N, C-alpha and C. Protein backbone atom coordinates (compact mmCIF):
# COMPACT_ATOMS: atom_id res chain seq x y z
N UNK A 1 67.59 38.81 -7.44
CA UNK A 1 67.23 40.06 -8.07
C UNK A 1 66.70 39.75 -9.47
N UNK A 2 65.63 40.39 -9.83
CA UNK A 2 65.07 40.18 -11.15
C UNK A 2 65.52 41.29 -12.09
N UNK A 3 65.65 40.94 -13.34
CA UNK A 3 66.04 41.94 -14.33
C UNK A 3 64.79 42.56 -14.96
N UNK A 4 64.95 43.78 -15.40
CA UNK A 4 63.84 44.46 -16.05
C UNK A 4 63.64 43.90 -17.44
N UNK A 5 62.40 43.80 -17.85
CA UNK A 5 62.09 43.33 -19.19
C UNK A 5 62.54 44.37 -20.20
N UNK A 6 63.06 43.91 -21.31
CA UNK A 6 63.52 44.81 -22.36
C UNK A 6 62.34 45.20 -23.23
N UNK A 7 62.20 46.48 -23.46
CA UNK A 7 61.12 46.99 -24.30
C UNK A 7 61.57 46.91 -25.75
N UNK A 8 60.81 46.25 -26.58
CA UNK A 8 61.09 46.17 -28.01
C UNK A 8 59.88 46.68 -28.78
N UNK A 9 60.02 47.80 -29.45
CA UNK A 9 58.87 48.35 -30.17
C UNK A 9 58.52 47.51 -31.38
N UNK A 10 57.25 47.44 -31.66
CA UNK A 10 56.77 46.75 -32.85
C UNK A 10 57.10 47.62 -34.06
N UNK A 11 57.80 47.05 -35.06
CA UNK A 11 58.18 47.88 -36.21
C UNK A 11 56.99 48.40 -37.02
N UNK A 12 55.84 47.76 -36.88
CA UNK A 12 54.66 48.23 -37.61
C UNK A 12 54.00 49.43 -36.95
N UNK A 13 54.11 49.53 -35.63
CA UNK A 13 53.47 50.64 -34.92
C UNK A 13 54.47 51.71 -34.49
N UNK A 14 55.75 51.46 -34.61
CA UNK A 14 56.77 52.41 -34.16
C UNK A 14 56.65 53.78 -34.83
N UNK A 15 56.27 53.88 -36.10
CA UNK A 15 56.13 55.22 -36.69
C UNK A 15 55.05 56.08 -36.04
N UNK A 16 54.19 55.47 -35.23
CA UNK A 16 53.14 56.22 -34.56
C UNK A 16 53.60 56.86 -33.25
N UNK A 17 54.83 56.61 -32.84
CA UNK A 17 55.32 57.13 -31.56
C UNK A 17 55.26 58.65 -31.47
N UNK A 18 55.71 59.42 -32.47
CA UNK A 18 55.60 60.88 -32.34
C UNK A 18 54.16 61.35 -32.23
N UNK A 19 53.26 60.68 -32.94
CA UNK A 19 51.84 61.04 -32.87
C UNK A 19 51.30 60.73 -31.48
N UNK A 20 51.71 59.60 -30.92
CA UNK A 20 51.28 59.24 -29.57
C UNK A 20 51.76 60.26 -28.55
N UNK A 21 53.00 60.72 -28.70
CA UNK A 21 53.51 61.75 -27.79
C UNK A 21 52.72 63.05 -27.92
N UNK A 22 52.41 63.44 -29.13
CA UNK A 22 51.65 64.67 -29.34
C UNK A 22 50.24 64.56 -28.76
N UNK A 23 49.56 63.46 -29.03
CA UNK A 23 48.21 63.27 -28.51
C UNK A 23 48.24 63.20 -26.98
N UNK A 24 49.21 62.48 -26.43
CA UNK A 24 49.33 62.39 -24.98
C UNK A 24 49.56 63.74 -24.34
N UNK A 25 50.41 64.55 -24.96
CA UNK A 25 50.67 65.89 -24.43
C UNK A 25 49.41 66.76 -24.50
N UNK A 26 48.67 66.65 -25.59
CA UNK A 26 47.42 67.40 -25.71
C UNK A 26 46.40 66.94 -24.67
N UNK A 27 46.37 65.64 -24.39
CA UNK A 27 45.46 65.12 -23.38
C UNK A 27 45.82 65.64 -21.99
N UNK A 28 47.11 65.79 -21.71
CA UNK A 28 47.53 66.35 -20.43
C UNK A 28 47.09 67.81 -20.32
N UNK A 29 47.24 68.56 -21.40
CA UNK A 29 46.82 69.96 -21.40
C UNK A 29 45.31 70.07 -21.17
N UNK A 30 44.55 69.23 -21.86
CA UNK A 30 43.09 69.25 -21.69
C UNK A 30 42.71 68.90 -20.25
N UNK A 31 43.36 67.87 -19.69
CA UNK A 31 43.06 67.49 -18.31
C UNK A 31 43.40 68.62 -17.34
N UNK A 32 44.52 69.29 -17.56
CA UNK A 32 44.92 70.38 -16.67
C UNK A 32 43.95 71.56 -16.75
N UNK A 33 43.44 71.83 -17.94
CA UNK A 33 42.53 72.97 -18.07
C UNK A 33 41.13 72.66 -17.55
N UNK A 34 40.75 71.39 -17.50
CA UNK A 34 39.40 71.03 -17.10
C UNK A 34 39.30 70.46 -15.69
N UNK A 35 40.40 70.36 -14.98
CA UNK A 35 40.39 69.73 -13.66
C UNK A 35 39.47 70.45 -12.67
N UNK A 36 39.31 71.74 -12.83
CA UNK A 36 38.44 72.50 -11.94
C UNK A 36 36.97 72.19 -12.11
N UNK A 37 36.58 71.62 -13.24
CA UNK A 37 35.18 71.30 -13.50
C UNK A 37 34.77 69.94 -12.94
N UNK A 38 35.72 69.10 -12.59
CA UNK A 38 35.41 67.73 -12.18
C UNK A 38 34.48 67.69 -10.96
N UNK A 39 34.69 68.47 -9.91
CA UNK A 39 33.75 68.40 -8.78
C UNK A 39 32.31 68.77 -9.16
N UNK A 40 32.17 69.76 -10.02
CA UNK A 40 30.81 70.14 -10.47
C UNK A 40 30.18 69.02 -11.28
N UNK A 41 30.99 68.41 -12.18
CA UNK A 41 30.46 67.29 -12.96
C UNK A 41 30.09 66.13 -12.06
N UNK A 42 30.88 65.90 -11.01
CA UNK A 42 30.58 64.81 -10.08
C UNK A 42 29.28 65.08 -9.33
N UNK A 43 29.03 66.34 -8.97
CA UNK A 43 27.77 66.63 -8.28
C UNK A 43 26.58 66.52 -9.24
N UNK A 44 26.81 66.82 -10.52
CA UNK A 44 25.73 66.71 -11.51
C UNK A 44 25.48 65.28 -11.95
N UNK A 45 26.56 64.50 -12.15
CA UNK A 45 26.43 63.19 -12.78
C UNK A 45 26.81 62.01 -11.89
N UNK A 46 27.37 62.27 -10.74
CA UNK A 46 27.69 61.18 -9.82
C UNK A 46 29.19 60.96 -9.68
N UNK A 47 29.52 60.07 -8.76
CA UNK A 47 30.92 59.83 -8.42
C UNK A 47 31.68 59.09 -9.51
N UNK A 48 31.00 58.51 -10.47
CA UNK A 48 31.70 57.82 -11.55
C UNK A 48 32.53 58.77 -12.40
N UNK A 49 32.28 60.07 -12.28
CA UNK A 49 33.10 61.06 -12.98
C UNK A 49 34.55 60.97 -12.51
N UNK A 50 34.75 60.71 -11.23
CA UNK A 50 36.11 60.57 -10.71
C UNK A 50 36.79 59.34 -11.31
N UNK A 51 36.05 58.25 -11.45
CA UNK A 51 36.60 57.05 -12.08
C UNK A 51 36.96 57.34 -13.54
N UNK A 52 36.09 58.05 -14.24
CA UNK A 52 36.37 58.40 -15.63
C UNK A 52 37.61 59.28 -15.73
N UNK A 53 37.78 60.19 -14.79
CA UNK A 53 38.97 61.07 -14.80
C UNK A 53 40.23 60.25 -14.55
N UNK A 54 40.17 59.30 -13.64
CA UNK A 54 41.32 58.44 -13.36
C UNK A 54 41.66 57.59 -14.57
N UNK A 55 40.65 57.03 -15.23
CA UNK A 55 40.89 56.23 -16.43
C UNK A 55 41.47 57.08 -17.56
N UNK A 56 40.97 58.29 -17.70
CA UNK A 56 41.48 59.21 -18.72
C UNK A 56 42.96 59.49 -18.49
N UNK A 57 43.33 59.76 -17.23
CA UNK A 57 44.73 60.03 -16.92
C UNK A 57 45.59 58.78 -17.07
N UNK A 58 45.03 57.61 -16.81
CA UNK A 58 45.78 56.36 -17.00
C UNK A 58 46.08 56.13 -18.48
N UNK A 59 45.08 56.36 -19.32
CA UNK A 59 45.30 56.22 -20.77
C UNK A 59 46.32 57.25 -21.25
N UNK A 60 46.22 58.46 -20.74
CA UNK A 60 47.16 59.51 -21.10
C UNK A 60 48.59 59.14 -20.73
N UNK A 61 48.76 58.66 -19.51
CA UNK A 61 50.12 58.32 -19.08
C UNK A 61 50.67 57.13 -19.86
N UNK A 62 49.84 56.16 -20.16
CA UNK A 62 50.30 55.01 -20.93
C UNK A 62 50.66 55.41 -22.36
N UNK A 63 49.90 56.29 -22.95
CA UNK A 63 50.19 56.77 -24.30
C UNK A 63 51.52 57.53 -24.32
N UNK A 64 51.73 58.39 -23.35
CA UNK A 64 53.00 59.11 -23.26
C UNK A 64 54.17 58.15 -23.02
N UNK A 65 53.98 57.19 -22.13
CA UNK A 65 55.04 56.23 -21.83
C UNK A 65 55.40 55.43 -23.08
N UNK A 66 54.39 54.92 -23.78
CA UNK A 66 54.65 54.11 -24.97
C UNK A 66 55.38 54.92 -26.03
N UNK A 67 54.92 56.13 -26.29
CA UNK A 67 55.56 56.98 -27.29
C UNK A 67 57.00 57.29 -26.94
N UNK A 68 57.25 57.61 -25.67
CA UNK A 68 58.62 57.94 -25.25
C UNK A 68 59.53 56.72 -25.30
N UNK A 69 59.05 55.58 -24.81
CA UNK A 69 59.86 54.36 -24.83
C UNK A 69 60.17 53.92 -26.26
N UNK A 70 59.19 54.02 -27.13
CA UNK A 70 59.39 53.62 -28.52
C UNK A 70 60.41 54.52 -29.19
N UNK A 71 60.29 55.82 -29.00
CA UNK A 71 61.26 56.75 -29.60
C UNK A 71 62.66 56.52 -29.03
N UNK A 72 62.75 56.31 -27.72
CA UNK A 72 64.04 56.09 -27.09
C UNK A 72 64.69 54.80 -27.62
N UNK A 73 63.91 53.74 -27.72
CA UNK A 73 64.45 52.46 -28.19
C UNK A 73 64.87 52.55 -29.66
N UNK A 74 64.08 53.24 -30.47
CA UNK A 74 64.45 53.40 -31.88
C UNK A 74 65.74 54.22 -32.01
N UNK A 75 65.89 55.24 -31.19
CA UNK A 75 67.12 56.04 -31.23
C UNK A 75 68.32 55.20 -30.82
N UNK A 76 68.17 54.38 -29.80
CA UNK A 76 69.27 53.50 -29.39
C UNK A 76 69.60 52.50 -30.48
N UNK A 77 68.58 51.95 -31.11
CA UNK A 77 68.80 50.97 -32.17
C UNK A 77 69.54 51.60 -33.34
N UNK A 78 69.17 52.82 -33.70
CA UNK A 78 69.84 53.51 -34.81
C UNK A 78 71.28 53.83 -34.45
N UNK A 79 71.52 54.26 -33.20
CA UNK A 79 72.89 54.55 -32.78
C UNK A 79 73.74 53.28 -32.77
N UNK A 80 73.18 52.20 -32.28
CA UNK A 80 73.90 50.93 -32.23
C UNK A 80 74.16 50.40 -33.63
N UNK A 81 73.15 50.49 -34.51
CA UNK A 81 73.31 50.01 -35.88
C UNK A 81 74.35 50.83 -36.62
N UNK A 82 74.39 52.13 -36.39
CA UNK A 82 75.37 52.98 -37.05
C UNK A 82 76.78 52.71 -36.58
N UNK A 83 76.94 52.32 -35.34
CA UNK A 83 78.27 52.06 -34.79
C UNK A 83 78.82 50.71 -35.23
N UNK A 84 77.94 49.76 -35.55
CA UNK A 84 78.40 48.41 -35.90
C UNK A 84 78.60 48.23 -37.40
N UNK A 85 78.08 49.13 -38.21
CA UNK A 85 78.26 48.99 -39.65
C UNK A 85 79.64 49.49 -40.05
N UNK A 86 80.33 48.75 -40.89
CA UNK A 86 81.65 49.21 -41.32
C UNK A 86 81.54 50.46 -42.20
N UNK A 87 82.53 51.30 -42.12
CA UNK A 87 82.55 52.51 -42.93
C UNK A 87 82.74 52.14 -44.39
N UNK A 88 81.98 52.82 -45.24
CA UNK A 88 82.10 52.56 -46.68
C UNK A 88 83.29 53.32 -47.23
N UNK A 89 84.05 52.65 -48.04
CA UNK A 89 85.21 53.29 -48.65
C UNK A 89 84.88 53.58 -50.10
N UNK A 90 85.30 54.73 -50.54
CA UNK A 90 85.08 55.07 -51.94
C UNK A 90 86.31 54.61 -52.74
N UNK A 91 86.04 53.99 -53.85
CA UNK A 91 87.13 53.50 -54.72
C UNK A 91 87.24 54.47 -55.89
N UNK A 92 88.33 55.17 -55.92
CA UNK A 92 88.55 56.15 -56.99
C UNK A 92 89.47 55.61 -58.04
């Protein structure tokens, strides 16, 4: 049995995760609102429109996946870091 690879977000790009989720969600909304036009565009411009739609949805899903995984991993890291740090005592 093989183990799943552990996702480790890059600390330089991790702050972009909420933006990636927002853009990905907007891309899903745009795709959902325009899906009815794809057959007409395909008849006007050719079958490559379907390939473009598939690539668009692939980029959208990857953007959403990356944003969600990054946020989830950062939340776990913060929870783990908070649990392992000793409590600070105030000296009065």
